[in-house]
PDB file of N, CA and C in Angstrom:
ATOM      1  N   MET A   1     -75.089 174.756  99.502  1.00  0.00           N
ATOM      2  CA  MET A   1     -74.788 174.839  98.088  1.00  0.00           C
ATOM      3  C   MET A   1     -76.014 174.598  97.223  1.00  0.00           C
ATOM      4  N   GLU A   2     -77.014 173.889  97.730  1.00  0.00           N
ATOM      5  CA  GLU A   2     -78.162 173.557  96.889  1.00  0.00           C
ATOM      6  C   GLU A   2     -78.864 174.784  96.323  1.00  0.00           C
ATOM      7  N   PRO A   3     -79.123 175.845  97.132  1.00  0.00           N
ATOM      8  CA  PRO A   3     -79.789 177.024  96.558  1.00  0.00           C
ATOM      9  C   PRO A   3     -78.934 177.716  95.487  1.00  0.00           C
ATOM     10  N   ILE A   4     -77.644 177.737  95.678  1.00  0.00           N
ATOM     11  CA  ILE A   4     -76.751 178.359  94.705  1.00  0.00           C
ATOM     12  C   ILE A   4     -76.737 177.539  93.423  1.00  0.00           C
ATOM     13  N   ALA A   5     -76.628 176.226  93.556  1.00  0.00           N
ATOM     14  CA  ALA A   5     -76.642 175.353  92.380  1.00  0.00           C
ATOM     15  C   ALA A   5     -77.953 175.506  91.625  1.00  0.00           C
ATOM     16  N   ALA A   6     -79.065 175.562  92.334  1.00  0.00           N
ATOM     17  CA  ALA A   6     -80.371 175.698  91.675  1.00  0.00           C
ATOM     18  C   ALA A   6     -80.449 177.013  90.902  1.00  0.00           C
ATOM     19  N   GLU A   7     -79.959 178.086  91.496  1.00  0.00           N
ATOM     20  CA  GLU A   7     -79.983 179.388  90.823  1.00  0.00           C
ATOM     21  C   GLU A   7     -79.093 179.398  89.585  1.00  0.00           C
ATOM     22  N   VAL A   8     -77.908 178.836  89.714  1.00  0.00           N
ATOM     23  CA  VAL A   8     -76.998 178.763  88.571  1.00  0.00           C
ATOM     24  C   VAL A   8     -77.597 177.878  87.488  1.00  0.00           C
ATOM     25  N   ASN A   9     -78.165 176.744  87.881  1.00  0.00           N
ATOM     26  CA  ASN A   9     -78.730 175.811  86.903  1.00  0.00           C
ATOM     27  C   ASN A   9     -79.845 176.436  86.062  1.00  0.00           C
ATOM     28  N   GLU A  10     -80.543 177.433  86.611  1.00  0.00           N
ATOM     29  CA  GLU A  10     -81.583 178.128  85.846  1.00  0.00           C
ATOM     30  C   GLU A  10     -80.987 178.941  84.694  1.00  0.00           C
ATOM     31  N   GLN A  11     -79.692 179.234  84.784  1.00  0.00           N
ATOM     32  CA  GLN A  11     -79.052 180.114  83.808  1.00  0.00           C
ATOM     33  C   GLN A  11     -78.164 179.380  82.803  1.00  0.00           C
ATOM     34  N   ILE A  12     -78.052 178.069  82.946  1.00  0.00           N
ATOM     35  CA  ILE A  12     -77.142 177.319  82.072  1.00  0.00           C
ATOM     36  C   ILE A  12     -77.859 176.128  81.453  1.00  0.00           C
ATOM     37  N   SER A  13     -77.221 175.511  80.485  1.00  0.00           N
ATOM     38  CA  SER A  13     -77.824 174.367  79.806  1.00  0.00           C
ATOM     39  C   SER A  13     -77.890 173.162  80.752  1.00  0.00           C
ATOM     40  N   GLU A  14     -78.810 172.264  80.461  1.00  0.00           N
ATOM     41  CA  GLU A  14     -78.967 171.070  81.286  1.00  0.00           C
ATOM     42  C   GLU A  14     -77.678 170.240  81.314  1.00  0.00           C
ATOM     43  N   ARG A  15     -76.985 170.215  80.201  1.00  0.00           N
ATOM     44  CA  ARG A  15     -75.721 169.466  80.114  1.00  0.00           C
ATOM     45  C   ARG A  15     -74.674 169.984  81.104  1.00  0.00           C
ATOM     46  N   GLU A  16     -74.757 171.278  81.445  1.00  0.00           N
ATOM     47  CA  GLU A  16     -73.775 171.892  82.339  1.00  0.00           C
ATOM     48  C   GLU A  16     -74.251 171.972  83.789  1.00  0.00           C
ATOM     49  N   HIS A  17     -75.427 171.459  84.095  1.00  0.00           N
ATOM     50  CA  HIS A  17     -75.990 171.606  85.437  1.00  0.00           C
ATOM     51  C   HIS A  17     -75.027 171.159  86.533  1.00  0.00           C
ATOM     52  N   LEU A  18     -75.086 171.898  87.620  1.00  0.00           N
ATOM     53  CA  LEU A  18     -74.287 171.592  88.797  1.00  0.00           C
ATOM     54  C   LEU A  18     -75.000 170.519  89.612  1.00  0.00           C
ATOM     55  N   VAL A  19     -74.225 169.628  90.182  1.00  0.00           N
ATOM     56  CA  VAL A  19     -74.775 168.578  91.039  1.00  0.00           C
ATOM     57  C   VAL A  19     -74.059 168.675  92.383  1.00  0.00           C
ATOM     58  N   PRO A  20     -74.714 169.303  93.378  1.00  0.00           N
ATOM     59  CA  PRO A  20     -74.036 169.445  94.674  1.00  0.00           C
ATOM     60  C   PRO A  20     -73.978 168.113  95.424  1.00  0.00           C
ATOM     61  N   HIS A  21     -72.867 167.900  96.101  1.00  0.00           N
ATOM     62  CA  HIS A  21     -72.677 166.730  96.951  1.00  0.00           C
ATOM     63  C   HIS A  21     -72.289 167.228  98.327  1.00  0.00           C
ATOM     64  N   ASP A  22     -72.994 166.785  99.361  1.00  0.00           N
ATOM     65  CA  ASP A  22     -72.664 167.175 100.727  1.00  0.00           C
ATOM     66  C   ASP A  22     -71.693 166.166 101.305  1.00  0.00           C
ATOM     67  N   ARG A  23     -70.492 166.606 101.531  1.00  0.00           N
ATOM     68  CA  ARG A  23     -69.476 165.699 102.077  1.00  0.00           C
ATOM     69  C   ARG A  23     -69.285 165.913 103.569  1.00  0.00           C
ATOM     70  N   THR A  24     -70.168 166.715 104.192  1.00  0.00           N
ATOM     71  CA  THR A  24     -70.055 166.975 105.628  1.00  0.00           C
ATOM     72  C   THR A  24     -70.078 165.676 106.407  1.00  0.00           C
ATOM     73  N   ARG A  25     -70.998 164.794 106.072  1.00  0.00           N
ATOM     74  CA  ARG A  25     -71.121 163.521 106.770  1.00  0.00           C
ATOM     75  C   ARG A  25     -69.843 162.696 106.593  1.00  0.00           C
ATOM     76  N   VAL A  26     -69.325 162.669 105.398  1.00  0.00           N
ATOM     77  CA  VAL A  26     -68.104 161.902 105.135  1.00  0.00           C
ATOM     78  C   VAL A  26     -66.951 162.463 105.952  1.00  0.00           C
ATOM     79  N   THR A  27     -66.838 163.786 106.002  1.00  0.00           N
ATOM     80  CA  THR A  27     -65.751 164.422 106.752  1.00  0.00           C
ATOM     81  C   THR A  27     -65.823 164.057 108.225  1.00  0.00           C
ATOM     82  N   ARG A  28     -67.025 164.021 108.781  1.00  0.00           N
ATOM     83  CA  ARG A  28     -67.168 163.689 110.203  1.00  0.00           C
ATOM     84  C   ARG A  28     -66.786 162.244 110.495  1.00  0.00           C
ATOM     85  N   LEU A  29     -66.976 161.364 109.526  1.00  0.00           N
ATOM     86  CA  LEU A  29     -66.733 159.949 109.749  1.00  0.00           C
ATOM     87  C   LEU A  29     -65.300 159.523 109.476  1.00  0.00           C
ATOM     88  N   THR A  30     -64.538 160.388 108.855  1.00  0.00           N
ATOM     89  CA  THR A  30     -63.170 160.021 108.501  1.00  0.00           C
ATOM     90  C   THR A  30     -62.179 160.737 109.404  1.00  0.00           C
ATOM     91  N   GLN A  31     -60.961 160.286 109.350  1.00  0.00           N
ATOM     92  CA  GLN A  31     -59.904 160.900 110.149  1.00  0.00           C
ATOM     93  C   GLN A  31     -59.633 162.310 109.642  1.00  0.00           C
ATOM     94  N   ARG A  32     -59.400 163.208 110.563  1.00  0.00           N
ATOM     95  CA  ARG A  32     -59.097 164.593 110.216  1.00  0.00           C
ATOM     96  C   ARG A  32     -57.844 164.633 109.358  1.00  0.00           C
ATOM     97  N   PRO A  33     -57.897 165.307 108.197  1.00  0.00           N
ATOM     98  CA  PRO A  33     -56.715 165.365 107.338  1.00  0.00           C
ATOM     99  C   PRO A  33     -55.618 166.210 107.979  1.00  0.00           C
ATOM    100  N   SER A  34     -54.398 165.908 107.623  1.00  0.00           N
ATOM    101  CA  SER A  34     -53.296 166.701 108.149  1.00  0.00           C
ATOM    102  C   SER A  34     -53.296 168.066 107.478  1.00  0.00           C
ATOM    103  N   PHE A  35     -52.952 169.081 108.223  1.00  0.00           N
ATOM    104  CA  PHE A  35     -52.870 170.436 107.690  1.00  0.00           C
ATOM    105  C   PHE A  35     -51.627 171.083 108.245  1.00  0.00           C
ATOM    106  N   ASP A  36     -50.803 171.595 107.365  1.00  0.00           N
ATOM    107  CA  ASP A  36     -49.563 172.247 107.754  1.00  0.00           C
ATOM    108  C   ASP A  36     -49.497 173.595 107.051  1.00  0.00           C
ATOM    109  N   PRO A  37     -49.827 174.697 107.759  1.00  0.00           N
ATOM    110  CA  PRO A  37     -49.830 176.011 107.112  1.00  0.00           C
ATOM    111  C   PRO A  37     -48.477 176.434 106.570  1.00  0.00           C
ATOM    112  N   SER A  38     -47.389 175.835 107.047  1.00  0.00           N
ATOM    113  CA  SER A  38     -46.074 176.214 106.544  1.00  0.00           C
ATOM    114  C   SER A  38     -45.751 175.499 105.228  1.00  0.00           C
ATOM    115  N   SER A  39     -46.541 174.487 104.905  1.00  0.00           N
ATOM    116  CA  SER A  39     -46.331 173.763 103.652  1.00  0.00           C
ATOM    117  C   SER A  39     -46.884 174.587 102.494  1.00  0.00           C
ATOM    118  N   PRO A  40     -46.204 174.582 101.343  1.00  0.00           N
ATOM    119  CA  PRO A  40     -46.707 175.345 100.199  1.00  0.00           C
ATOM    120  C   PRO A  40     -48.115 174.928  99.772  1.00  0.00           C
ATOM    121  N   THR A  41     -48.494 173.691 100.032  1.00  0.00           N
ATOM    122  CA  THR A  41     -49.831 173.222  99.650  1.00  0.00           C
ATOM    123  C   THR A  41     -50.786 173.213 100.828  1.00  0.00           C
ATOM    124  N   GLY A  42     -50.314 173.473 102.046  1.00  0.00           N
ATOM    125  CA  GLY A  42     -51.176 173.490 103.216  1.00  0.00           C
ATOM    126  C   GLY A  42     -51.438 172.115 103.795  1.00  0.00           C
ATOM    127  N   GLY A  43     -50.940 171.087 103.190  1.00  0.00           N
ATOM    128  CA  GLY A  43     -51.194 169.746 103.697  1.00  0.00           C
ATOM    129  C   GLY A  43     -51.828 168.887 102.635  1.00  0.00           C
ATOM    130  N   THR A  44     -52.652 167.950 103.057  1.00  0.00           N
ATOM    131  CA  THR A  44     -53.188 166.984 102.115  1.00  0.00           C
ATOM    132  C   THR A  44     -54.384 167.492 101.321  1.00  0.00           C
ATOM    133  N   SER A  45     -55.206 168.344 101.901  1.00  0.00           N
ATOM    134  CA  SER A  45     -56.403 168.782 101.198  1.00  0.00           C
ATOM    135  C   SER A  45     -56.918 170.095 101.754  1.00  0.00           C
ATOM    136  N   SER A  46     -57.207 171.039 100.866  1.00  0.00           N
ATOM    137  CA  SER A  46     -57.789 172.306 101.307  1.00  0.00           C
ATOM    138  C   SER A  46     -59.206 172.101 101.818  1.00  0.00           C
ATOM    139  N   LEU A  47     -59.867 171.026 101.411  1.00  0.00           N
ATOM    140  CA  LEU A  47     -61.216 170.753 101.902  1.00  0.00           C
ATOM    141  C   LEU A  47     -61.211 170.384 103.377  1.00  0.00           C
ATOM    142  N   GLY A  48     -60.068 170.033 103.924  1.00  0.00           N
ATOM    143  CA  GLY A  48     -59.964 169.713 105.338  1.00  0.00           C
ATOM    144  C   GLY A  48     -59.864 170.938 106.226  1.00  0.00           C
ATOM    145  N   LEU A  49     -59.731 172.124 105.645  1.00  0.00           N
ATOM    146  CA  LEU A  49     -59.576 173.345 106.442  1.00  0.00           C
ATOM    147  C   LEU A  49     -60.760 173.610 107.360  1.00  0.00           C
ATOM    148  N   GLY A  50     -61.946 173.164 106.966  1.00  0.00           N
ATOM    149  CA  GLY A  50     -63.130 173.372 107.798  1.00  0.00           C
ATOM    150  C   GLY A  50     -62.980 172.754 109.171  1.00  0.00           C
ATOM    151  N   GLY A  51     -62.206 171.697 109.283  1.00  0.00           N
ATOM    152  CA  GLY A  51     -61.971 171.072 110.574  1.00  0.00           C
ATOM    153  C   GLY A  51     -61.031 171.857 111.464  1.00  0.00           C
ATOM    154  N   PHE A  52     -60.334 172.817 110.902  1.00  0.00           N
ATOM    155  CA  PHE A  52     -59.368 173.605 111.653  1.00  0.00           C
ATOM    156  C   PHE A  52     -59.796 175.053 111.841  1.00  0.00           C
ATOM    157  N   MET A  53     -60.775 175.499 111.084  1.00  0.00           N
ATOM    158  CA  MET A  53     -61.209 176.894 111.136  1.00  0.00           C
ATOM    159  C   MET A  53     -62.721 176.926 111.343  1.00  0.00           C
ATOM    160  N   PRO A  54     -63.166 177.172 112.576  1.00  0.00           N
ATOM    161  CA  PRO A  54     -64.599 177.181 112.861  1.00  0.00           C
ATOM    162  C   PRO A  54     -65.353 178.162 111.950  1.00  0.00           C
ATOM    163  N   GLY A  55     -66.472 177.705 111.433  1.00  0.00           N
ATOM    164  CA  GLY A  55     -67.303 178.547 110.584  1.00  0.00           C
ATOM    165  C   GLY A  55     -66.936 178.504 109.113  1.00  0.00           C
ATOM    166  N   LEU A  56     -65.807 177.921 108.778  1.00  0.00           N
ATOM    167  CA  LEU A  56     -65.381 177.840 107.382  1.00  0.00           C
ATOM    168  C   LEU A  56     -66.009 176.617 106.722  1.00  0.00           C
ATOM    169  N   VAL A  57     -66.640 176.839 105.597  1.00  0.00           N
ATOM    170  CA  VAL A  57     -67.216 175.741 104.832  1.00  0.00           C
ATOM    171  C   VAL A  57     -66.475 175.675 103.499  1.00  0.00           C
ATOM    172  N   PRO A  58     -65.556 174.744 103.358  1.00  0.00           N
ATOM    173  CA  PRO A  58     -64.820 174.625 102.096  1.00  0.00           C
ATOM    174  C   PRO A  58     -65.747 174.153 100.978  1.00  0.00           C
ATOM    175  N   VAL A  59     -65.534 174.679  99.803  1.00  0.00           N
ATOM    176  CA  VAL A  59     -66.340 174.307  98.647  1.00  0.00           C
ATOM    177  C   VAL A  59     -65.388 173.963  97.510  1.00  0.00           C
ATOM    178  N   LEU A  60     -65.629 172.841  96.875  1.00  0.00           N
ATOM    179  CA  LEU A  60     -64.854 172.425  95.722  1.00  0.00           C
ATOM    180  C   LEU A  60     -65.781 172.434  94.518  1.00  0.00           C
ATOM    181  N   VAL A  61     -65.421 173.199  93.516  1.00  0.00           N
ATOM    182  CA  VAL A  61     -66.201 173.243  92.281  1.00  0.00           C
ATOM    183  C   VAL A  61     -65.329 172.664  91.187  1.00  0.00           C
ATOM    184  N   GLU A  62     -65.747 171.528  90.680  1.00  0.00           N
ATOM    185  CA  GLU A  62     -65.005 170.882  89.606  1.00  0.00           C
ATOM    186  C   GLU A  62     -65.762 171.067  88.303  1.00  0.00           C
ATOM    187  N   MET A  63     -65.043 171.484  87.301  1.00  0.00           N
ATOM    188  CA  MET A  63     -65.631 171.680  85.976  1.00  0.00           C
ATOM    189  C   MET A  63     -64.851 170.832  84.993  1.00  0.00           C
ATOM    190  N   GLY A  64     -65.440 170.602  83.875  1.00  0.00           N
ATOM    191  CA  GLY A  64     -64.710 169.900  82.846  1.00  0.00           C
ATOM    192  C   GLY A  64     -65.568 168.898  82.123  1.00  0.00           C
ATOM    193  N   ARG A  65     -66.367 169.381  81.267  1.00  0.00           N
ATOM    194  CA  ARG A  65     -67.154 168.508  80.409  1.00  0.00           C
ATOM    195  C   ARG A  65     -66.323 168.212  79.171  1.00  0.00           C
ATOM    196  N   GLN A  66     -66.526 167.075  78.608  1.00  0.00           N
ATOM    197  CA  GLN A  66     -65.815 166.721  77.395  1.00  0.00           C
ATOM    198  C   GLN A  66     -66.145 167.745  76.309  1.00  0.00           C
ATOM    199  N   ASN A  67     -65.126 168.177  75.599  1.00  0.00           N
ATOM    200  CA  ASN A  67     -65.263 169.155  74.518  1.00  0.00           C
ATOM    201  C   ASN A  67     -65.774 170.513  74.998  1.00  0.00           C
ATOM    202  N   GLN A  68     -65.513 170.876  76.231  1.00  0.00           N
ATOM    203  CA  GLN A  68     -65.911 172.183  76.740  1.00  0.00           C
ATOM    204  C   GLN A  68     -64.666 173.059  76.806  1.00  0.00           C
ATOM    205  N   HIS A  69     -64.724 174.199  76.150  1.00  0.00           N
ATOM    206  CA  HIS A  69     -63.571 175.099  76.106  1.00  0.00           C
ATOM    207  C   HIS A  69     -63.254 175.648  77.494  1.00  0.00           C
ATOM    208  N   GLN A  70     -61.981 175.905  77.699  1.00  0.00           N
ATOM    209  CA  GLN A  70     -61.542 176.463  78.968  1.00  0.00           C
ATOM    210  C   GLN A  70     -62.243 177.787  79.252  1.00  0.00           C
ATOM    211  N   SER A  71     -62.492 178.588  78.239  1.00  0.00           N
ATOM    212  CA  SER A  71     -63.163 179.871  78.442  1.00  0.00           C
ATOM    213  C   SER A  71     -64.572 179.668  79.016  1.00  0.00           C
ATOM    214  N   ARG A  72     -65.261 178.603  78.578  1.00  0.00           N
ATOM    215  CA  ARG A  72     -66.601 178.331  79.113  1.00  0.00           C
ATOM    216  C   ARG A  72     -66.515 177.854  80.558  1.00  0.00           C
ATOM    217  N   ARG A  73     -65.533 177.021  80.872  1.00  0.00           N
ATOM    218  CA  ARG A  73     -65.361 176.581  82.260  1.00  0.00           C
ATOM    219  C   ARG A  73     -65.083 177.781  83.159  1.00  0.00           C
ATOM    220  N   THR A  74     -64.287 178.723  82.653  1.00  0.00           N
ATOM    221  CA  THR A  74     -63.999 179.943  83.409  1.00  0.00           C
ATOM    222  C   THR A  74     -65.271 180.754  83.628  1.00  0.00           C
ATOM    223  N   GLU A  75     -66.086 180.908  82.591  1.00  0.00           N
ATOM    224  CA  GLU A  75     -67.363 181.628  82.724  1.00  0.00           C
ATOM    225  C   GLU A  75     -68.250 180.985  83.783  1.00  0.00           C
ATOM    226  N   LEU A  76     -68.299 179.657  83.797  1.00  0.00           N
ATOM    227  CA  LEU A  76     -69.135 178.955  84.772  1.00  0.00           C
ATOM    228  C   LEU A  76     -68.615 179.152  86.198  1.00  0.00           C
ATOM    229  N   HIS A  77     -67.306 179.106  86.376  1.00  0.00           N
ATOM    230  CA  HIS A  77     -66.739 179.369  87.701  1.00  0.00           C
ATOM    231  C   HIS A  77     -67.111 180.778  88.164  1.00  0.00           C
ATOM    232  N   GLN A  78     -66.979 181.748  87.283  1.00  0.00           N
ATOM    233  CA  GLN A  78     -67.303 183.129  87.647  1.00  0.00           C
ATOM    234  C   GLN A  78     -68.785 183.273  87.993  1.00  0.00           C
ATOM    235  N   LEU A  79     -69.647 182.605  87.247  1.00  0.00           N
ATOM    236  CA  LEU A  79     -71.079 182.641  87.526  1.00  0.00           C
ATOM    237  C   LEU A  79     -71.371 182.055  88.905  1.00  0.00           C
ATOM    238  N   ILE A  80     -70.730 180.960  89.238  1.00  0.00           N
ATOM    239  CA  ILE A  80     -70.937 180.337  90.546  1.00  0.00           C
ATOM    240  C   ILE A  80     -70.480 181.262  91.668  1.00  0.00           C
ATOM    241  N   VAL A  81     -69.319 181.865  91.514  1.00  0.00           N
ATOM    242  CA  VAL A  81     -68.803 182.757  92.558  1.00  0.00           C
ATOM    243  C   VAL A  81     -69.701 183.980  92.713  1.00  0.00           C
ATOM    244  N   ARG A  82     -70.106 184.595  91.600  1.00  0.00           N
ATOM    245  CA  ARG A  82     -71.007 185.761  91.684  1.00  0.00           C
ATOM    246  C   ARG A  82     -72.318 185.389  92.372  1.00  0.00           C
ATOM    247  N   THR A  83     -72.872 184.247  92.001  1.00  0.00           N
ATOM    248  CA  THR A  83     -74.131 183.804  92.591  1.00  0.00           C
ATOM    249  C   THR A  83     -73.974 183.546  94.086  1.00  0.00           C
ATOM    250  N   ALA A  84     -72.871 182.915  94.485  1.00  0.00           N
ATOM    251  CA  ALA A  84     -72.626 182.650  95.909  1.00  0.00           C
ATOM    252  C   ALA A  84     -72.467 183.954  96.686  1.00  0.00           C
ATOM    253  N   LEU A  85     -71.732 184.904  96.126  1.00  0.00           N
ATOM    254  CA  LEU A  85     -71.551 186.200  96.795  1.00  0.00           C
ATOM    255  C   LEU A  85     -72.875 186.944  96.925  1.00  0.00           C
ATOM    256  N   GLN A  86     -73.701 186.908  95.893  1.00  0.00           N
ATOM    257  CA  GLN A  86     -75.026 187.532  95.959  1.00  0.00           C
ATOM    258  C   GLN A  86     -75.890 186.836  97.001  1.00  0.00           C
ATOM    259  N   HIS A  87     -75.842 185.532  97.022  1.00  0.00           N
ATOM    260  CA  HIS A  87     -76.621 184.748  97.960  1.00  0.00           C
ATOM    261  C   HIS A  87     -76.261 185.096  99.401  1.00  0.00           C
ATOM    262  N   GLU A  88     -74.995 185.378  99.653  1.00  0.00           N
ATOM    263  CA  GLU A  88     -74.519 185.723 100.985  1.00  0.00           C
ATOM    264  C   GLU A  88     -74.615 187.227 101.287  1.00  0.00           C
ATOM    265  N   GLY A  89     -75.153 188.010 100.336  1.00  0.00           N
ATOM    266  CA  GLY A  89     -75.308 189.450 100.555  1.00  0.00           C
ATOM    267  C   GLY A  89     -74.006 190.218 100.448  1.00  0.00           C
ATOM    268  N   MET A  90     -73.021 189.648  99.795  1.00  0.00           N
ATOM    269  CA  MET A  90     -71.716 190.293  99.660  1.00  0.00           C
ATOM    270  C   MET A  90     -71.552 190.992  98.317  1.00  0.00           C
ATOM    271  N   LEU A  91     -72.542 190.843  97.442  1.00  0.00           N
ATOM    272  CA  LEU A  91     -72.484 191.445  96.113  1.00  0.00           C
ATOM    273  C   LEU A  91     -73.919 191.711  95.681  1.00  0.00           C
ATOM    274  N   THR A  92     -74.160 192.890  95.147  1.00  0.00           N
ATOM    275  CA  THR A  92     -75.504 193.192  94.662  1.00  0.00           C
ATOM    276  C   THR A  92     -75.617 192.803  93.189  1.00  0.00           C
ATOM    277  N   ALA A  93     -76.825 192.478  92.809  1.00  0.00           N
ATOM    278  CA  ALA A  93     -77.068 192.016  91.435  1.00  0.00           C
ATOM    279  C   ALA A  93     -76.821 193.085  90.416  1.00  0.00           C
TER     280      ALA A  93
END
């Protein structure tokens, strides 16, 4: 996530900068979360799916600055997704 965050951060204000956190270490040290595909929510956490699906890296992007309009949060989410897809070669610039 660091290269994607750095690229996005070049395009947005400092106040909106992304701060990536690697929770891989935490996930390895904690008990595997329960996952039930038949449950409408899938279990306790979608971030736990990586433990059940080899090669899957779950990503959680939380937005919500004080006094930030929903439309801006939506724009930032779209920018992150486009940047990630470009980074992975799944979308051309």
